[in-house]
Amino acid sequence: MIKGGTVMKKSVLSVCVVLAGVMPAAALVKGDTAVEVETVWLRLFPKGEASQTYIEAAVNGRTTVRVQSSGKITTRSGKVDKQLVKDLFQEMRGNDVFDSAALGTGRMLFYKGDLLRISAVWEGEIRTVEMPTEKLTQGFRYALDALKKAALKLPVNRKIYRFVAAYPVAEDELASHTDATGRERYRYKYLETSVIDLNPAISRAILRPQLLVPLNSRKESEELYDFFYDNKIRAESGDFMLSTSRGDFKMEIIKATY
């Protein structure tokens, strides 16, 4: 699937190096043995569109896709041909997508094209990297498109009530969370790990940055907001900042369908 092996491998790796440290160092979480080793979760951001596609896929074919576009949100779940997921992992390995040299603390501030943000367990760590889709090899693009097409044919899942997600925040990003007067737009809440573990959704989201953790019922959603109330967390707007022993995170609670 990869033509010209070495040459094409270098093309993707060079992109990753240019984007060195697209995600903060806190995006690497060690020791999370509860994560399925071969599960990938990714987001596609089309150029010039206020939309995104999220896909989570395991090598057994289990897949969830959430599409947000034109004010509409749809979540689909089911099983795709597991070979599609294996093909994507093969391309990830063959192109050294998560090469350690590509990880640091920078960000893509001015790139205006289509973006891919992809996460997976890699060499015992959860790693995340972001890159322009136009720089993907032909084989990588083919594998990604095939998985996306199959995921979009899955049945709509109306059982998922909401999703919880955690996005690592590095020190050099804190300026983006202040307004023009320098006041903090978000108030950080520090919680001990023992407290975080009382809510499975929050705990899982922090252990797996960028992953959409489903709340599968109204009851689970109510339990989450009870947790907020008990710990004096203000989450009326659907997002808040949380400081933990594992780092600082922007937490989001988002809809599964709309």
Protein backbone atom coordinates (compact mmCIF):
# COMPACT_ATOMS: atom_id res chain seq x y z
CA MET A 1 0.00 0.00 0.00
CA ILE A 2 2.97 2.30 0.44
CA LYS A 3 4.78 2.97 -2.79
CA GLY A 4 8.41 3.89 -2.66
CA GLY A 5 8.64 2.80 1.00
CA THR A 6 11.47 4.91 2.35
CA VAL A 7 10.68 8.08 0.43
CA MET A 8 7.03 8.17 1.42
CA LYS A 9 7.89 7.32 5.02
CA LYS A 10 10.16 10.35 5.22
CA SER A 11 7.47 12.63 3.75
CA VAL A 12 5.04 11.96 6.61
CA LEU A 13 7.76 12.01 9.24
CA SER A 14 9.01 15.38 8.00
CA VAL A 15 5.50 16.79 8.41
CA CYS A 16 5.38 15.52 11.99
CA VAL A 17 8.73 17.13 12.75
CA VAL A 18 7.52 20.45 11.35
CA LEU A 19 4.54 20.09 13.66
CA ALA A 20 6.78 19.08 16.55
CA GLY A 21 4.78 19.14 19.74
CA VAL A 22 1.39 19.91 18.24
CA MET A 23 -0.02 18.51 21.45
CA PRO A 24 1.35 19.43 24.89
CA ALA A 25 3.52 16.98 26.75
CA ALA A 26 0.59 16.17 29.05
CA ALA A 27 -1.00 14.36 26.10
CA LEU A 28 1.29 11.42 26.86
CA VAL A 29 -0.17 9.43 29.72
CA LYS A 30 1.92 6.54 31.01
CA GLY A 31 0.78 3.46 32.84
CA ASP A 32 -2.81 3.37 31.59
CA THR A 33 -3.05 -0.38 31.14
CA ALA A 34 -6.85 -0.29 30.95
CA VAL A 35 -6.74 1.17 27.43
CA GLU A 36 -7.15 -1.29 24.58
CA VAL A 37 -3.70 -1.38 23.01
CA GLU A 38 -5.01 -1.27 19.45
CA THR A 39 -7.66 1.43 19.50
CA VAL A 40 -7.32 4.66 17.57
CA TRP A 41 -9.36 7.84 18.03
CA LEU A 42 -9.10 10.76 15.66
CA ARG A 43 -10.66 14.00 14.48
CA LEU A 44 -10.88 15.45 11.00
CA PHE A 45 -11.23 19.22 10.66
CA PRO A 46 -12.19 20.30 7.10
CA LYS A 47 -10.73 23.56 5.80
CA GLY A 48 -12.98 26.59 6.21
CA GLU A 49 -15.84 24.65 7.77
CA ALA A 50 -17.25 24.84 11.29
CA SER A 51 -17.48 21.06 11.39
CA GLN A 52 -15.55 18.02 12.50
CA THR A 53 -15.71 14.25 12.32
CA TYR A 54 -14.64 12.10 15.26
CA ILE A 55 -13.90 8.40 14.81
CA GLU A 56 -12.95 5.83 17.44
CA ALA A 57 -12.11 2.36 16.14
CA ALA A 58 -10.71 -0.83 17.67
CA VAL A 59 -9.01 -3.66 15.81
CA ASN A 60 -12.01 -5.91 16.47
CA GLY A 61 -14.03 -3.53 14.26
CA ARG A 62 -15.94 -1.80 17.07
CA THR A 63 -16.39 1.78 15.87
CA THR A 64 -18.08 5.02 16.91
CA VAL A 65 -18.31 8.08 14.69
CA ARG A 66 -19.67 11.52 15.65
CA VAL A 67 -20.25 14.10 12.93
CA GLN A 68 -20.92 17.75 13.70
CA SER A 69 -21.85 19.86 10.68
CA SER A 70 -24.25 22.69 9.82
CA GLY A 71 -25.69 22.75 13.33
CA LYS A 72 -26.49 19.04 13.27
CA ILE A 73 -24.84 16.34 15.38
CA THR A 74 -25.13 12.62 14.63
CA THR A 75 -23.48 9.67 16.39
CA ARG A 76 -23.25 6.23 14.84
CA SER A 77 -21.96 3.00 16.38
CA GLY A 78 -21.42 -0.59 15.38
CA LYS A 79 -18.83 -2.83 13.76
CA VAL A 80 -16.93 -2.26 10.54
CA ASP A 81 -14.71 -4.77 8.75
CA LYS A 82 -11.83 -5.14 11.19
CA GLN A 83 -9.37 -5.24 8.29
CA LEU A 84 -10.10 -1.54 7.70
CA VAL A 85 -8.84 -0.72 11.20
CA LYS A 86 -5.84 -3.02 10.80
CA ASP A 87 -4.96 -1.27 7.52
CA LEU A 88 -4.96 2.11 9.27
CA PHE A 89 -2.71 0.79 12.04
CA GLN A 90 -0.38 -0.64 9.41
CA GLU A 91 -0.09 2.78 7.79
CA MET A 92 0.49 4.43 11.17
CA ARG A 93 3.32 2.01 11.92
CA GLY A 94 4.82 2.19 8.45
CA ASN A 95 4.93 5.98 8.51
CA ASP A 96 6.17 6.49 12.10
CA VAL A 97 3.27 8.83 12.81
CA PHE A 98 4.08 8.97 16.52
CA ASP A 99 7.87 9.22 16.20
CA SER A 100 9.19 10.65 19.48
CA ALA A 101 11.09 13.38 17.64
CA ALA A 102 7.77 14.89 16.61
CA LEU A 103 6.52 15.47 20.14
CA GLY A 104 7.12 18.72 22.04
CA THR A 105 5.24 21.86 23.03
CA GLY A 106 4.58 23.83 19.81
CA ARG A 107 1.27 24.33 17.99
CA MET A 108 0.05 24.93 14.43
CA LEU A 109 -1.24 28.48 14.70
CA PHE A 110 -1.46 29.57 11.09
CA TYR A 111 -2.15 26.46 9.04
CA LYS A 112 -5.50 26.85 7.22
CA GLY A 113 -5.92 23.49 5.46
CA ASP A 114 -7.66 20.27 6.45
CA LEU A 115 -6.27 18.81 9.68
CA LEU A 116 -6.08 15.34 11.18
CA ARG A 117 -5.60 14.92 14.93
CA ILE A 118 -4.95 11.29 15.80
CA SER A 119 -4.40 9.47 19.11
CA ALA A 120 -3.50 5.90 20.02
CA VAL A 121 -1.64 3.84 22.56
CA TRP A 122 1.90 3.70 21.22
CA GLU A 123 4.81 1.96 22.93
CA GLY A 124 2.96 1.95 26.24
CA GLU A 125 1.89 5.60 26.12
CA ILE A 126 -1.11 7.49 24.82
CA ARG A 127 0.20 9.75 22.08
CA THR A 128 -1.48 12.46 20.04
CA VAL A 129 -0.22 14.24 16.95
CA GLU A 130 -1.79 16.68 14.49
CA MET A 131 -0.91 17.00 10.82
CA PRO A 132 -2.23 18.39 7.50
CA THR A 133 -4.22 15.75 5.64
CA GLU A 134 -2.67 16.90 2.35
CA LYS A 135 0.69 15.60 3.55
CA LEU A 136 -0.52 12.07 4.25
CA THR A 137 0.85 9.31 2.04
CA GLN A 138 -1.47 7.80 -0.55
CA GLY A 139 -1.73 4.58 1.45
CA PHE A 140 -2.52 6.41 4.70
CA ARG A 141 -5.16 8.57 3.03
CA TYR A 142 -6.77 5.53 1.40
CA ALA A 143 -6.93 3.61 4.69
CA LEU A 144 -8.37 6.62 6.53
CA ASP A 145 -11.01 7.32 3.85
CA ALA A 146 -12.06 3.66 3.73
CA LEU A 147 -12.57 3.56 7.50
CA LYS A 148 -14.49 6.83 7.46
CA LYS A 149 -16.82 5.69 4.68
CA ALA A 150 -17.59 2.45 6.50
CA ALA A 151 -18.17 4.26 9.81
CA LEU A 152 -20.64 6.68 8.21
CA LYS A 153 -22.77 3.71 7.10
CA LEU A 154 -23.23 2.44 10.66
CA PRO A 155 -26.65 2.83 12.31
CA VAL A 156 -27.42 5.96 14.29
CA ASN A 157 -26.87 5.44 18.03
CA ARG A 158 -29.56 7.22 20.04
CA LYS A 159 -28.63 5.48 23.29
CA ILE A 160 -25.61 7.70 23.99
CA TYR A 161 -26.85 10.69 25.96
CA ARG A 162 -23.70 12.83 26.01
CA PHE A 163 -19.93 12.61 25.75
CA VAL A 164 -17.21 13.75 28.15
CA ALA A 165 -13.75 14.69 26.87
CA ALA A 166 -10.50 16.01 28.37
CA TYR A 167 -8.02 18.14 26.45
CA PRO A 168 -4.57 18.73 27.98
CA VAL A 169 -3.62 22.36 28.53
CA ALA A 170 0.05 23.38 28.60
CA GLU A 171 1.38 26.45 30.41
CA ASP A 172 1.99 28.32 27.17
CA GLU A 173 -1.67 27.90 26.26
CA LEU A 174 -3.05 29.48 29.41
CA ALA A 175 -3.00 32.92 27.78
CA SER A 176 -5.80 31.77 25.46
CA HIS A 177 -7.98 31.24 28.51
CA THR A 178 -7.88 34.89 29.61
CA ASP A 179 -9.93 37.79 28.31
CA ALA A 180 -8.71 41.21 27.14
CA THR A 181 -8.37 42.48 30.70
CA GLY A 182 -6.23 39.54 31.75
CA ARG A 183 -8.91 37.96 33.90
CA GLU A 184 -9.27 34.21 33.72
CA ARG A 185 -12.19 33.10 31.59
CA TYR A 186 -12.12 29.76 33.34
CA ARG A 187 -11.51 28.99 36.99
CA TYR A 188 -9.32 25.96 37.62
CA LYS A 189 -10.60 23.40 40.06
CA TYR A 190 -8.02 21.08 41.61
CA LEU A 191 -9.16 17.56 42.46
CA GLU A 192 -7.19 14.71 43.95
CA THR A 193 -7.02 11.48 41.97
CA SER A 194 -9.02 9.68 44.66
CA VAL A 195 -11.87 12.15 44.12
CA ILE A 196 -11.70 12.01 40.32
CA ASP A 197 -11.92 8.23 40.45
CA LEU A 198 -15.35 8.54 42.09
CA ASN A 199 -16.75 9.43 38.67
CA PRO A 200 -15.83 6.84 35.99
CA ALA A 201 -16.50 9.19 33.06
CA ILE A 202 -14.24 11.99 34.31
CA SER A 203 -11.55 9.51 35.32
CA ARG A 204 -11.57 7.73 31.96
CA ALA A 205 -11.52 11.00 30.02
CA ILE A 206 -8.43 12.24 31.88
CA LEU A 207 -6.63 8.92 31.44
CA ARG A 208 -7.41 9.01 27.70
CA PRO A 209 -7.00 12.61 26.45
CA GLN A 210 -8.99 13.52 23.31
CA LEU A 211 -11.22 10.41 23.65
CA LEU A 212 -15.00 10.92 23.72
CA VAL A 213 -16.27 9.01 26.75
CA PRO A 214 -19.98 8.17 26.38
CA LEU A 215 -22.67 8.74 28.96
CA ASN A 216 -25.16 6.05 28.01
CA SER A 217 -28.18 7.21 29.94
CA ARG A 218 -29.82 10.20 31.60
CA LYS A 219 -28.90 8.59 34.92
CA GLU A 220 -25.18 8.66 34.09
CA SER A 221 -25.55 12.30 33.05
CA GLU A 222 -27.29 13.15 36.32
CA GLU A 223 -24.57 11.35 38.28
CA LEU A 224 -21.97 13.49 36.49
CA TYR A 225 -23.74 16.71 37.43
CA ASP A 226 -24.15 15.46 41.00
CA PHE A 227 -20.37 15.01 41.01
CA PHE A 228 -19.99 18.63 39.84
CA TYR A 229 -22.30 19.84 42.59
CA ASP A 230 -20.55 17.84 45.32
CA ASN A 231 -17.16 19.22 44.25
CA LYS A 232 -18.32 22.80 43.56
CA ILE A 233 -17.47 22.63 39.85
CA ARG A 234 -19.20 25.21 37.67
CA ALA A 235 -19.98 23.49 34.35
CA GLU A 236 -23.13 25.26 33.25
CA SER A 237 -21.62 26.20 29.88
CA GLY A 238 -20.55 22.63 29.17
CA ASP A 239 -16.84 23.14 29.74
CA PHE A 240 -14.54 23.86 32.65
CA MET A 241 -10.87 23.68 33.63
CA LEU A 242 -9.66 20.91 35.89
CA SER A 243 -6.25 20.66 37.54
CA THR A 244 -5.05 17.20 38.58
CA SER A 245 -1.88 15.35 39.50
CA ARG A 246 -1.83 14.22 35.85
CA GLY A 247 -1.86 17.80 34.54
CA ASP A 248 -4.31 20.55 33.64
CA PHE A 249 -7.26 19.80 31.38
CA LYS A 250 -10.06 21.59 29.64
CA MET A 251 -13.09 19.37 30.16
CA GLU A 252 -16.07 19.32 27.79
CA ILE A 253 -19.51 17.80 28.00
CA ILE A 254 -20.98 17.60 24.48
CA LYS A 255 -24.13 16.22 22.88
CA ALA A 256 -24.22 12.93 21.02
CA THR A 257 -27.14 13.97 18.79
CA TYR A 258 -28.78 17.28 17.99
